[in-house]
Amino acid sequence: DKNKMEKKYKDYIIDKISLDELLL
């Protein structure tokens, strides 16, 4: 849950994911 994690870890970078990155 990217949005939830952004609120919980405000000082961290959270990028969107591609299918390639998900697979890896």
mmCIF file of all heavy atoms, coordinates in Angstrom:
data_MODEL
# 
_entry.id   MODEL 
# 
loop_
_atom_site.group_PDB 
_atom_site.id 
_atom_site.type_symbol 
_atom_site.label_atom_id 
_atom_site.label_alt_id 
_atom_site.label_comp_id 
_atom_site.label_asym_id 
_atom_site.label_entity_id 
_atom_site.label_seq_id 
_atom_site.pdbx_PDB_ins_code 
_atom_site.Cartn_x 
_atom_site.Cartn_y 
_atom_site.Cartn_z 
_atom_site.occupancy 
_atom_site.B_iso_or_equiv 
_atom_site.pdbx_formal_charge 
_atom_site.auth_seq_id 
_atom_site.auth_comp_id 
_atom_site.auth_asym_id 
_atom_site.auth_atom_id 
_atom_site.pdbx_PDB_model_num 
ATOM 1   N N   . ASP A 1 1  ? 0.852  -1.190  0.000   1.00 0.00 ? 1  ASP A N   1 
ATOM 2   C CA  . ASP A 1 1  ? 0.000  0.000   0.000   1.00 0.00 ? 1  ASP A CA  1 
ATOM 3   C C   . ASP A 1 1  ? 0.887  1.238   0.000   1.00 0.00 ? 1  ASP A C   1 
ATOM 4   O O   . ASP A 1 1  ? 1.286  1.751   1.042   1.00 0.00 ? 1  ASP A O   1 
ATOM 5   C CB  . ASP A 1 1  ? -0.916 -0.016  1.230   1.00 0.00 ? 1  ASP A CB  1 
ATOM 6   C CG  . ASP A 1 1  ? -2.027 1.018   1.122   1.00 0.00 ? 1  ASP A CG  1 
ATOM 7   O OD1 . ASP A 1 1  ? -1.792 2.075   0.504   1.00 0.00 ? 1  ASP A OD1 1 
ATOM 8   O OD2 . ASP A 1 1  ? -3.129 0.763   1.662   1.00 0.00 ? 1  ASP A OD2 1 
ATOM 9   N N   . LYS A 1 2  ? 1.177  1.727   -1.208  1.00 0.00 ? 2  LYS A N   1 
ATOM 10  C CA  . LYS A 1 2  ? 2.128  2.839   -1.364  1.00 0.00 ? 2  LYS A CA  1 
ATOM 11  C C   . LYS A 1 2  ? 1.670  4.086   -0.610  1.00 0.00 ? 2  LYS A C   1 
ATOM 12  O O   . LYS A 1 2  ? 2.457  4.720   0.093   1.00 0.00 ? 2  LYS A O   1 
ATOM 13  C CB  . LYS A 1 2  ? 2.300  3.142   -2.855  1.00 0.00 ? 2  LYS A CB  1 
ATOM 14  C CG  . LYS A 1 2  ? 3.275  4.263   -3.179  1.00 0.00 ? 2  LYS A CG  1 
ATOM 15  C CD  . LYS A 1 2  ? 3.430  4.398   -4.690  1.00 0.00 ? 2  LYS A CD  1 
ATOM 16  C CE  . LYS A 1 2  ? 4.382  5.533   -5.040  1.00 0.00 ? 2  LYS A CE  1 
ATOM 17  N NZ  . LYS A 1 2  ? 3.782  6.862   -4.739  1.00 0.00 ? 2  LYS A NZ  1 
ATOM 18  N N   . ASN A 1 3  ? 0.412  4.434   -0.734  1.00 0.00 ? 3  ASN A N   1 
ATOM 19  C CA  . ASN A 1 3  ? -0.090 5.656   -0.088  1.00 0.00 ? 3  ASN A CA  1 
ATOM 20  C C   . ASN A 1 3  ? -0.012 5.552   1.434   1.00 0.00 ? 3  ASN A C   1 
ATOM 21  O O   . ASN A 1 3  ? 0.368  6.502   2.120   1.00 0.00 ? 3  ASN A O   1 
ATOM 22  C CB  . ASN A 1 3  ? -1.535 5.930   -0.520  1.00 0.00 ? 3  ASN A CB  1 
ATOM 23  C CG  . ASN A 1 3  ? -1.625 6.308   -1.983  1.00 0.00 ? 3  ASN A CG  1 
ATOM 24  O OD1 . ASN A 1 3  ? -0.662 6.833   -2.555  1.00 0.00 ? 3  ASN A OD1 1 
ATOM 25  N ND2 . ASN A 1 3  ? -2.769 6.058   -2.588  1.00 0.00 ? 3  ASN A ND2 1 
ATOM 26  N N   . LYS A 1 4  ? -0.369 4.395   1.956   1.00 0.00 ? 4  LYS A N   1 
ATOM 27  C CA  . LYS A 1 4  ? -0.302 4.181   3.401   1.00 0.00 ? 4  LYS A CA  1 
ATOM 28  C C   . LYS A 1 4  ? 1.139  4.247   3.891   1.00 0.00 ? 4  LYS A C   1 
ATOM 29  O O   . LYS A 1 4  ? 1.430  4.842   4.948   1.00 0.00 ? 4  LYS A O   1 
ATOM 30  C CB  . LYS A 1 4  ? -0.913 2.827   3.749   1.00 0.00 ? 4  LYS A CB  1 
ATOM 31  C CG  . LYS A 1 4  ? -0.938 2.522   5.232   1.00 0.00 ? 4  LYS A CG  1 
ATOM 32  C CD  . LYS A 1 4  ? -1.561 1.154   5.484   1.00 0.00 ? 4  LYS A CD  1 
ATOM 33  C CE  . LYS A 1 4  ? -1.520 0.797   6.968   1.00 0.00 ? 4  LYS A CE  1 
ATOM 34  N NZ  . LYS A 1 4  ? -2.104 -0.558  7.209   1.00 0.00 ? 4  LYS A NZ  1 
ATOM 35  N N   . MET A 1 5  ? 2.044  3.664   3.119   1.00 0.00 ? 5  MET A N   1 
ATOM 36  C CA  . MET A 1 5  ? 3.450  3.666   3.508   1.00 0.00 ? 5  MET A CA  1 
ATOM 37  C C   . MET A 1 5  ? 4.045  5.077   3.452   1.00 0.00 ? 5  MET A C   1 
ATOM 38  O O   . MET A 1 5  ? 4.911  5.426   4.258   1.00 0.00 ? 5  MET A O   1 
ATOM 39  C CB  . MET A 1 5  ? 4.261  2.720   2.610   1.00 0.00 ? 5  MET A CB  1 
ATOM 40  C CG  . MET A 1 5  ? 3.914  1.237   2.760   1.00 0.00 ? 5  MET A CG  1 
ATOM 41  S SD  . MET A 1 5  ? 4.161  0.577   4.432   1.00 0.00 ? 5  MET A SD  1 
ATOM 42  C CE  . MET A 1 5  ? 2.456  0.540   5.036   1.00 0.00 ? 5  MET A CE  1 
ATOM 43  N N   . GLU A 1 6  ? 3.598  5.886   2.492   1.00 0.00 ? 6  GLU A N   1 
ATOM 44  C CA  . GLU A 1 6  ? 4.093  7.258   2.393   1.00 0.00 ? 6  GLU A CA  1 
ATOM 45  C C   . GLU A 1 6  ? 3.713  8.070   3.629   1.00 0.00 ? 6  GLU A C   1 
ATOM 46  O O   . GLU A 1 6  ? 4.464  8.931   4.082   1.00 0.00 ? 6  GLU A O   1 
ATOM 47  C CB  . GLU A 1 6  ? 3.539  7.919   1.126   1.00 0.00 ? 6  GLU A CB  1 
ATOM 48  C CG  . GLU A 1 6  ? 4.231  7.464   -0.144  1.00 0.00 ? 6  GLU A CG  1 
ATOM 49  C CD  . GLU A 1 6  ? 3.596  8.027   -1.392  1.00 0.00 ? 6  GLU A CD  1 
ATOM 50  O OE1 . GLU A 1 6  ? 2.384  8.366   -1.359  1.00 0.00 ? 6  GLU A OE1 1 
ATOM 51  O OE2 . GLU A 1 6  ? 4.301  8.124   -2.414  1.00 0.00 ? 6  GLU A OE2 1 
ATOM 52  N N   . LYS A 1 7  ? 2.531  7.790   4.165   1.00 0.00 ? 7  LYS A N   1 
ATOM 53  C CA  . LYS A 1 7  ? 2.095  8.494   5.386   1.00 0.00 ? 7  LYS A CA  1 
ATOM 54  C C   . LYS A 1 7  ? 2.850  7.982   6.605   1.00 0.00 ? 7  LYS A C   1 
ATOM 55  O O   . LYS A 1 7  ? 3.163  8.744   7.523   1.00 0.00 ? 7  LYS A O   1 
ATOM 56  C CB  . LYS A 1 7  ? 0.590  8.301   5.576   1.00 0.00 ? 7  LYS A CB  1 
ATOM 57  C CG  . LYS A 1 7  ? -0.253 8.998   4.512   1.00 0.00 ? 7  LYS A CG  1 
ATOM 58  C CD  . LYS A 1 7  ? -1.731 8.670   4.685   1.00 0.00 ? 7  LYS A CD  1 
ATOM 59  C CE  . LYS A 1 7  ? -2.546 9.315   3.575   1.00 0.00 ? 7  LYS A CE  1 
ATOM 60  N NZ  . LYS A 1 7  ? -3.982 8.943   3.673   1.00 0.00 ? 7  LYS A NZ  1 
ATOM 61  N N   . LYS A 1 8  ? 3.135  6.692   6.616   1.00 0.00 ? 8  LYS A N   1 
ATOM 62  C CA  . LYS A 1 8  ? 3.797  6.080   7.771   1.00 0.00 ? 8  LYS A CA  1 
ATOM 63  C C   . LYS A 1 8  ? 5.294  6.383   7.780   1.00 0.00 ? 8  LYS A C   1 
ATOM 64  O O   . LYS A 1 8  ? 5.881  6.618   8.849   1.00 0.00 ? 8  LYS A O   1 
ATOM 65  C CB  . LYS A 1 8  ? 3.575  4.569   7.754   1.00 0.00 ? 8  LYS A CB  1 
ATOM 66  C CG  . LYS A 1 8  ? 4.122  3.854   8.975   1.00 0.00 ? 8  LYS A CG  1 
ATOM 67  C CD  . LYS A 1 8  ? 3.692  2.383   8.984   1.00 0.00 ? 8  LYS A CD  1 
ATOM 68  C CE  . LYS A 1 8  ? 4.216  1.656   10.206  1.00 0.00 ? 8  LYS A CE  1 
ATOM 69  N NZ  . LYS A 1 8  ? 3.763  0.225   10.237  1.00 0.00 ? 8  LYS A NZ  1 
ATOM 70  N N   . TYR A 1 9  ? 5.926  6.375   6.592   1.00 0.00 ? 9  TYR A N   1 
ATOM 71  C CA  . TYR A 1 9  ? 7.372  6.600   6.499   1.00 0.00 ? 9  TYR A CA  1 
ATOM 72  C C   . TYR A 1 9  ? 7.622  7.865   5.672   1.00 0.00 ? 9  TYR A C   1 
ATOM 73  O O   . TYR A 1 9  ? 8.017  7.803   4.507   1.00 0.00 ? 9  TYR A O   1 
ATOM 74  C CB  . TYR A 1 9  ? 8.052  5.387   5.868   1.00 0.00 ? 9  TYR A CB  1 
ATOM 75  C CG  . TYR A 1 9  ? 7.807  4.091   6.609   1.00 0.00 ? 9  TYR A CG  1 
ATOM 76  C CD1 . TYR A 1 9  ? 6.921  3.137   6.109   1.00 0.00 ? 9  TYR A CD1 1 
ATOM 77  C CD2 . TYR A 1 9  ? 8.444  3.819   7.815   1.00 0.00 ? 9  TYR A CD2 1 
ATOM 78  C CE1 . TYR A 1 9  ? 6.676  1.947   6.784   1.00 0.00 ? 9  TYR A CE1 1 
ATOM 79  C CE2 . TYR A 1 9  ? 8.216  2.640   8.505   1.00 0.00 ? 9  TYR A CE2 1 
ATOM 80  C CZ  . TYR A 1 9  ? 7.323  1.704   7.989   1.00 0.00 ? 9  TYR A CZ  1 
ATOM 81  O OH  . TYR A 1 9  ? 7.092  0.541   8.672   1.00 0.00 ? 9  TYR A OH  1 
ATOM 82  N N   . LYS A 1 10 ? 7.344  9.013   6.281   1.00 0.00 ? 10 LYS A N   1 
ATOM 83  C CA  . LYS A 1 10 ? 7.352  10.294  5.562   1.00 0.00 ? 10 LYS A CA  1 
ATOM 84  C C   . LYS A 1 10 ? 8.740  10.703  5.072   1.00 0.00 ? 10 LYS A C   1 
ATOM 85  O O   . LYS A 1 10 ? 8.861  11.485  4.132   1.00 0.00 ? 10 LYS A O   1 
ATOM 86  C CB  . LYS A 1 10 ? 6.769  11.382  6.458   1.00 0.00 ? 10 LYS A CB  1 
ATOM 87  C CG  . LYS A 1 10 ? 5.293  11.169  6.779   1.00 0.00 ? 10 LYS A CG  1 
ATOM 88  C CD  . LYS A 1 10 ? 4.757  12.272  7.676   1.00 0.00 ? 10 LYS A CD  1 
ATOM 89  C CE  . LYS A 1 10 ? 3.285  12.037  7.982   1.00 0.00 ? 10 LYS A CE  1 
ATOM 90  N NZ  . LYS A 1 10 ? 2.727  13.082  8.888   1.00 0.00 ? 10 LYS A NZ  1 
ATOM 91  N N   . ASP A 1 11 ? 9.770  10.210  5.730   1.00 0.00 ? 11 ASP A N   1 
ATOM 92  C CA  . ASP A 1 11 ? 11.125 10.625  5.364   1.00 0.00 ? 11 ASP A CA  1 
ATOM 93  C C   . ASP A 1 11 ? 11.793 9.687   4.351   1.00 0.00 ? 11 ASP A C   1 
ATOM 94  O O   . ASP A 1 11 ? 12.983 9.836   4.060   1.00 0.00 ? 11 ASP A O   1 
ATOM 95  C CB  . ASP A 1 11 ? 12.001 10.712  6.619   1.00 0.00 ? 11 ASP A CB  1 
ATOM 96  C CG  . ASP A 1 11 ? 11.520 11.779  7.590   1.00 0.00 ? 11 ASP A CG  1 
ATOM 97  O OD1 . ASP A 1 11 ? 10.968 12.793  7.117   1.00 0.00 ? 11 ASP A OD1 1 
ATOM 98  O OD2 . ASP A 1 11 ? 11.676 11.590  8.811   1.00 0.00 ? 11 ASP A OD2 1 
ATOM 99  N N   . TYR A 1 12 ? 11.023 8.736   3.833   1.00 0.00 ? 12 TYR A N   1 
ATOM 100 C CA  . TYR A 1 12 ? 11.583 7.732   2.926   1.00 0.00 ? 12 TYR A CA  1 
ATOM 101 C C   . TYR A 1 12 ? 11.058 7.949   1.503   1.00 0.00 ? 12 TYR A C   1 
ATOM 102 O O   . TYR A 1 12 ? 9.952  8.460   1.300   1.00 0.00 ? 12 TYR A O   1 
ATOM 103 C CB  . TYR A 1 12 ? 11.223 6.327   3.390   1.00 0.00 ? 12 TYR A CB  1 
ATOM 104 C CG  . TYR A 1 12 ? 11.839 5.921   4.714   1.00 0.00 ? 12 TYR A CG  1 
ATOM 105 C CD1 . TYR A 1 12 ? 11.309 6.377   5.911   1.00 0.00 ? 12 TYR A CD1 1 
ATOM 106 C CD2 . TYR A 1 12 ? 12.944 5.077   4.764   1.00 0.00 ? 12 TYR A CD2 1 
ATOM 107 C CE1 . TYR A 1 12 ? 11.860 6.027   7.130   1.00 0.00 ? 12 TYR A CE1 1 
ATOM 108 C CE2 . TYR A 1 12 ? 13.505 4.707   5.984   1.00 0.00 ? 12 TYR A CE2 1 
ATOM 109 C CZ  . TYR A 1 12 ? 12.955 5.189   7.158   1.00 0.00 ? 12 TYR A CZ  1 
ATOM 110 O OH  . TYR A 1 12 ? 13.505 4.827   8.362   1.00 0.00 ? 12 TYR A OH  1 
ATOM 111 N N   . ILE A 1 13 ? 11.849 7.539   0.565   1.00 0.00 ? 13 ILE A N   1 
ATOM 112 C CA  . ILE A 1 13 ? 11.431 7.578   -0.836  1.00 0.00 ? 13 ILE A CA  1 
ATOM 113 C C   . ILE A 1 13 ? 10.661 6.294   -1.150  1.00 0.00 ? 13 ILE A C   1 
ATOM 114 O O   . ILE A 1 13 ? 11.147 5.196   -0.881  1.00 0.00 ? 13 ILE A O   1 
ATOM 115 C CB  . ILE A 1 13 ? 12.650 7.686   -1.780  1.00 0.00 ? 13 ILE A CB  1 
ATOM 116 C CG1 . ILE A 1 13 ? 13.387 9.006   -1.552  1.00 0.00 ? 13 ILE A CG1 1 
ATOM 117 C CG2 . ILE A 1 13 ? 12.221 7.552   -3.237  1.00 0.00 ? 13 ILE A CG2 1 
ATOM 118 C CD1 . ILE A 1 13 ? 14.716 9.092   -2.274  1.00 0.00 ? 13 ILE A CD1 1 
ATOM 119 N N   . ILE A 1 14 ? 9.454  6.450   -1.687  1.00 0.00 ? 14 ILE A N   1 
ATOM 120 C CA  . ILE A 1 14 ? 8.669  5.285   -2.112  1.00 0.00 ? 14 ILE A CA  1 
ATOM 121 C C   . ILE A 1 14 ? 8.241  5.515   -3.558  1.00 0.00 ? 14 ILE A C   1 
ATOM 122 O O   . ILE A 1 14 ? 7.429  6.395   -3.850  1.00 0.00 ? 14 ILE A O   1 
ATOM 123 C CB  . ILE A 1 14 ? 7.431  5.059   -1.216  1.00 0.00 ? 14 ILE A CB  1 
ATOM 124 C CG1 . ILE A 1 14 ? 7.860  4.945   0.251   1.00 0.00 ? 14 ILE A CG1 1 
ATOM 125 C CG2 . ILE A 1 14 ? 6.689  3.793   -1.662  1.00 0.00 ? 14 ILE A CG2 1 
ATOM 126 C CD1 . ILE A 1 14 ? 6.698  4.782   1.218   1.00 0.00 ? 14 ILE A CD1 1 
ATOM 127 N N   . ASP A 1 15 ? 8.828  4.747   -4.477  1.00 0.00 ? 15 ASP A N   1 
ATOM 128 C CA  . ASP A 1 15 ? 8.569  4.905   -5.906  1.00 0.00 ? 15 ASP A CA  1 
ATOM 129 C C   . ASP A 1 15 ? 7.454  3.976   -6.377  1.00 0.00 ? 15 ASP A C   1 
ATOM 130 O O   . ASP A 1 15 ? 7.204  2.926   -5.768  1.00 0.00 ? 15 ASP A O   1 
ATOM 131 C CB  . ASP A 1 15 ? 9.836  4.587   -6.710  1.00 0.00 ? 15 ASP A CB  1 
ATOM 132 C CG  . ASP A 1 15 ? 10.931 5.612   -6.501  1.00 0.00 ? 15 ASP A CG  1 
ATOM 133 O OD1 . ASP A 1 15 ? 10.596 6.783   -6.180  1.00 0.00 ? 15 ASP A OD1 1 
ATOM 134 O OD2 . ASP A 1 15 ? 12.117 5.258   -6.637  1.00 0.00 ? 15 ASP A OD2 1 
ATOM 135 N N   . LYS A 1 16 ? 6.804  4.384   -7.462  1.00 0.00 ? 16 LYS A N   1 
ATOM 136 C CA  . LYS A 1 16 ? 5.870  3.463   -8.134  1.00 0.00 ? 16 LYS A CA  1 
ATOM 137 C C   . LYS A 1 16 ? 6.655  2.293   -8.689  1.00 0.00 ? 16 LYS A C   1 
ATOM 138 O O   . LYS A 1 16 ? 7.862  2.386   -8.901  1.00 0.00 ? 16 LYS A O   1 
ATOM 139 C CB  . LYS A 1 16 ? 5.125  4.189   -9.260  1.00 0.00 ? 16 LYS A CB  1 
ATOM 140 C CG  . LYS A 1 16 ? 4.149  5.242   -8.777  1.00 0.00 ? 16 LYS A CG  1 
ATOM 141 C CD  . LYS A 1 16 ? 3.330  5.808   -9.919  1.00 0.00 ? 16 LYS A CD  1 
ATOM 142 C CE  . LYS A 1 16 ? 2.302  4.807   -10.422 1.00 0.00 ? 16 LYS A CE  1 
ATOM 143 N NZ  . LYS A 1 16 ? 1.362  5.407   -11.409 1.00 0.00 ? 16 LYS A NZ  1 
ATOM 144 N N   . ILE A 1 17 ? 5.964  1.207   -8.958  1.00 0.00 ? 17 ILE A N   1 
ATOM 145 C CA  . ILE A 1 17 ? 6.647  -0.008  -9.379  1.00 0.00 ? 17 ILE A CA  1 
ATOM 146 C C   . ILE A 1 17 ? 6.248  -0.393  -10.803 1.00 0.00 ? 17 ILE A C   1 
ATOM 147 O O   . ILE A 1 17 ? 5.111  -0.151  -11.230 1.00 0.00 ? 17 ILE A O   1 
ATOM 148 C CB  . ILE A 1 17 ? 6.343  -1.169  -8.403  1.00 0.00 ? 17 ILE A CB  1 
ATOM 149 C CG1 . ILE A 1 17 ? 7.361  -2.300  -8.567  1.00 0.00 ? 17 ILE A CG1 1 
ATOM 150 C CG2 . ILE A 1 17 ? 4.909  -1.675  -8.563  1.00 0.00 ? 17 ILE A CG2 1 
ATOM 151 C CD1 . ILE A 1 17 ? 7.352  -3.276  -7.406  1.00 0.00 ? 17 ILE A CD1 1 
ATOM 152 N N   . SER A 1 18 ? 7.192  -0.941  -11.526 1.00 0.00 ? 18 SER A N   1 
ATOM 153 C CA  . SER A 1 18 ? 6.903  -1.518  -12.846 1.00 0.00 ? 18 SER A CA  1 
ATOM 154 C C   . SER A 1 18 ? 6.744  -3.025  -12.684 1.00 0.00 ? 18 SER A C   1 
ATOM 155 O O   . SER A 1 18 ? 7.127  -3.599  -11.664 1.00 0.00 ? 18 SER A O   1 
ATOM 156 C CB  . SER A 1 18 ? 8.045  -1.219  -13.820 1.00 0.00 ? 18 SER A CB  1 
ATOM 157 O OG  . SER A 1 18 ? 9.217  -1.918  -13.437 1.00 0.00 ? 18 SER A OG  1 
ATOM 158 N N   . LEU A 1 19 ? 6.191  -3.675  -13.693 1.00 0.00 ? 19 LEU A N   1 
ATOM 159 C CA  . LEU A 1 19 ? 6.061  -5.130  -13.634 1.00 0.00 ? 19 LEU A CA  1 
ATOM 160 C C   . LEU A 1 19 ? 7.427  -5.809  -13.610 1.00 0.00 ? 19 LEU A C   1 
ATOM 161 O O   . LEU A 1 19 ? 7.605  -6.841  -12.969 1.00 0.00 ? 19 LEU A O   1 
ATOM 162 C CB  . LEU A 1 19 ? 5.231  -5.636  -14.820 1.00 0.00 ? 19 LEU A CB  1 
ATOM 163 C CG  . LEU A 1 19 ? 3.753  -5.264  -14.816 1.00 0.00 ? 19 LEU A CG  1 
ATOM 164 C CD1 . LEU A 1 19 ? 3.047  -5.879  -16.026 1.00 0.00 ? 19 LEU A CD1 1 
ATOM 165 C CD2 . LEU A 1 19 ? 3.065  -5.709  -13.530 1.00 0.00 ? 19 LEU A CD2 1 
ATOM 166 N N   . ASP A 1 20 ? 8.407  -5.221  -14.305 1.00 0.00 ? 20 ASP A N   1 
ATOM 167 C CA  . ASP A 1 20 ? 9.776  -5.767  -14.265 1.00 0.00 ? 20 ASP A CA  1 
ATOM 168 C C   . ASP A 1 20 ? 10.325 -5.751  -12.843 1.00 0.00 ? 20 ASP A C   1 
ATOM 169 O O   . ASP A 1 20 ? 10.910 -6.727  -12.371 1.00 0.00 ? 20 ASP A O   1 
ATOM 170 C CB  . ASP A 1 20 ? 10.702 -4.950  -15.178 1.00 0.00 ? 20 ASP A CB  1 
ATOM 171 C CG  . ASP A 1 20 ? 10.803 -5.528  -16.576 1.00 0.00 ? 20 ASP A CG  1 
ATOM 172 O OD1 . ASP A 1 20 ? 10.376 -6.688  -16.775 1.00 0.00 ? 20 ASP A OD1 1 
ATOM 173 O OD2 . ASP A 1 20 ? 11.290 -4.836  -17.469 1.00 0.00 ? 20 ASP A OD2 1 
ATOM 174 N N   . GLU A 1 21 ? 10.140 -4.623  -12.154 1.00 0.00 ? 21 GLU A N   1 
ATOM 175 C CA  . GLU A 1 21 ? 10.644 -4.495  -10.789 1.00 0.00 ? 21 GLU A CA  1 
ATOM 176 C C   . GLU A 1 21 ? 9.896  -5.430  -9.841  1.00 0.00 ? 21 GLU A C   1 
ATOM 177 O O   . GLU A 1 21 ? 10.486 -6.031  -8.942  1.00 0.00 ? 21 GLU A O   1 
ATOM 178 C CB  . GLU A 1 21 ? 10.510 -3.044  -10.326 1.00 0.00 ? 21 GLU A CB  1 
ATOM 179 C CG  . GLU A 1 21 ? 11.451 -2.087  -11.051 1.00 0.00 ? 21 GLU A CG  1 
ATOM 180 C CD  . GLU A 1 21 ? 11.110 -0.637  -10.808 1.00 0.00 ? 21 GLU A CD  1 
ATOM 181 O OE1 . GLU A 1 21 ? 9.895  -0.304  -10.703 1.00 0.00 ? 21 GLU A OE1 1 
ATOM 182 O OE2 . GLU A 1 21 ? 12.041 0.186   -10.737 1.00 0.00 ? 21 GLU A OE2 1 
ATOM 183 N N   . LEU A 1 22 ? 8.595  -5.556  -10.046 1.00 0.00 ? 22 LEU A N   1 
ATOM 184 C CA  . LEU A 1 22 ? 7.800  -6.465  -9.232  1.00 0.00 ? 22 LEU A CA  1 
ATOM 185 C C   . LEU A 1 22 ? 8.290  -7.904  -9.394  1.00 0.00 ? 22 LEU A C   1 
ATOM 186 O O   . LEU A 1 22 ? 8.477  -8.631  -8.416  1.00 0.00 ? 22 LEU A O   1 
ATOM 187 C CB  . LEU A 1 22 ? 6.326  -6.375  -9.634  1.00 0.00 ? 22 LEU A CB  1 
ATOM 188 C CG  . LEU A 1 22 ? 5.371  -7.293  -8.882  1.00 0.00 ? 22 LEU A CG  1 
ATOM 189 C CD1 . LEU A 1 22 ? 5.091  -6.757  -7.487  1.00 0.00 ? 22 LEU A CD1 1 
ATOM 190 C CD2 . LEU A 1 22 ? 4.057  -7.469  -9.644  1.00 0.00 ? 22 LEU A CD2 1 
ATOM 191 N N   . LEU A 1 23 ? 8.505  -8.302  -10.654 1.00 0.00 ? 23 LEU A N   1 
ATOM 192 C CA  . LEU A 1 23 ? 8.992  -9.653  -10.936 1.00 0.00 ? 23 LEU A CA  1 
ATOM 193 C C   . LEU A 1 23 ? 10.338 -9.894  -10.264 1.00 0.00 ? 23 LEU A C   1 
ATOM 194 O O   . LEU A 1 23 ? 10.560 -10.941 -9.645  1.00 0.00 ? 23 LEU A O   1 
ATOM 195 C CB  . LEU A 1 23 ? 9.094  -9.852  -12.451 1.00 0.00 ? 23 LEU A CB  1 
ATOM 196 C CG  . LEU A 1 23 ? 9.653  -11.186 -12.942 1.00 0.00 ? 23 LEU A CG  1 
ATOM 197 C CD1 . LEU A 1 23 ? 8.760  -12.342 -12.515 1.00 0.00 ? 23 LEU A CD1 1 
ATOM 198 C CD2 . LEU A 1 23 ? 9.800  -11.174 -14.466 1.00 0.00 ? 23 LEU A CD2 1 
ATOM 199 N N   . LEU A 1 24 ? 11.229 -8.928  -10.377 1.00 0.00 ? 24 LEU A N   1 
ATOM 200 C CA  . LEU A 1 24 ? 12.566 -9.068  -9.800  1.00 0.00 ? 24 LEU A CA  1 
ATOM 201 C C   . LEU A 1 24 ? 12.507 -9.197  -8.283  1.00 0.00 ? 24 LEU A C   1 
ATOM 202 O O   . LEU A 1 24 ? 13.160 -10.070 -7.688  1.00 0.00 ? 24 LEU A O   1 
ATOM 203 C CB  . LEU A 1 24 ? 13.435 -7.872  -10.191 1.00 0.00 ? 24 LEU A CB  1 
ATOM 204 C CG  . LEU A 1 24 ? 14.870 -7.865  -9.667  1.00 0.00 ? 24 LEU A CG  1 
ATOM 205 C CD1 . LEU A 1 24 ? 15.652 -9.048  -10.226 1.00 0.00 ? 24 LEU A CD1 1 
ATOM 206 C CD2 . LEU A 1 24 ? 15.570 -6.557  -10.021 1.00 0.00 ? 24 LEU A CD2 1 
# 
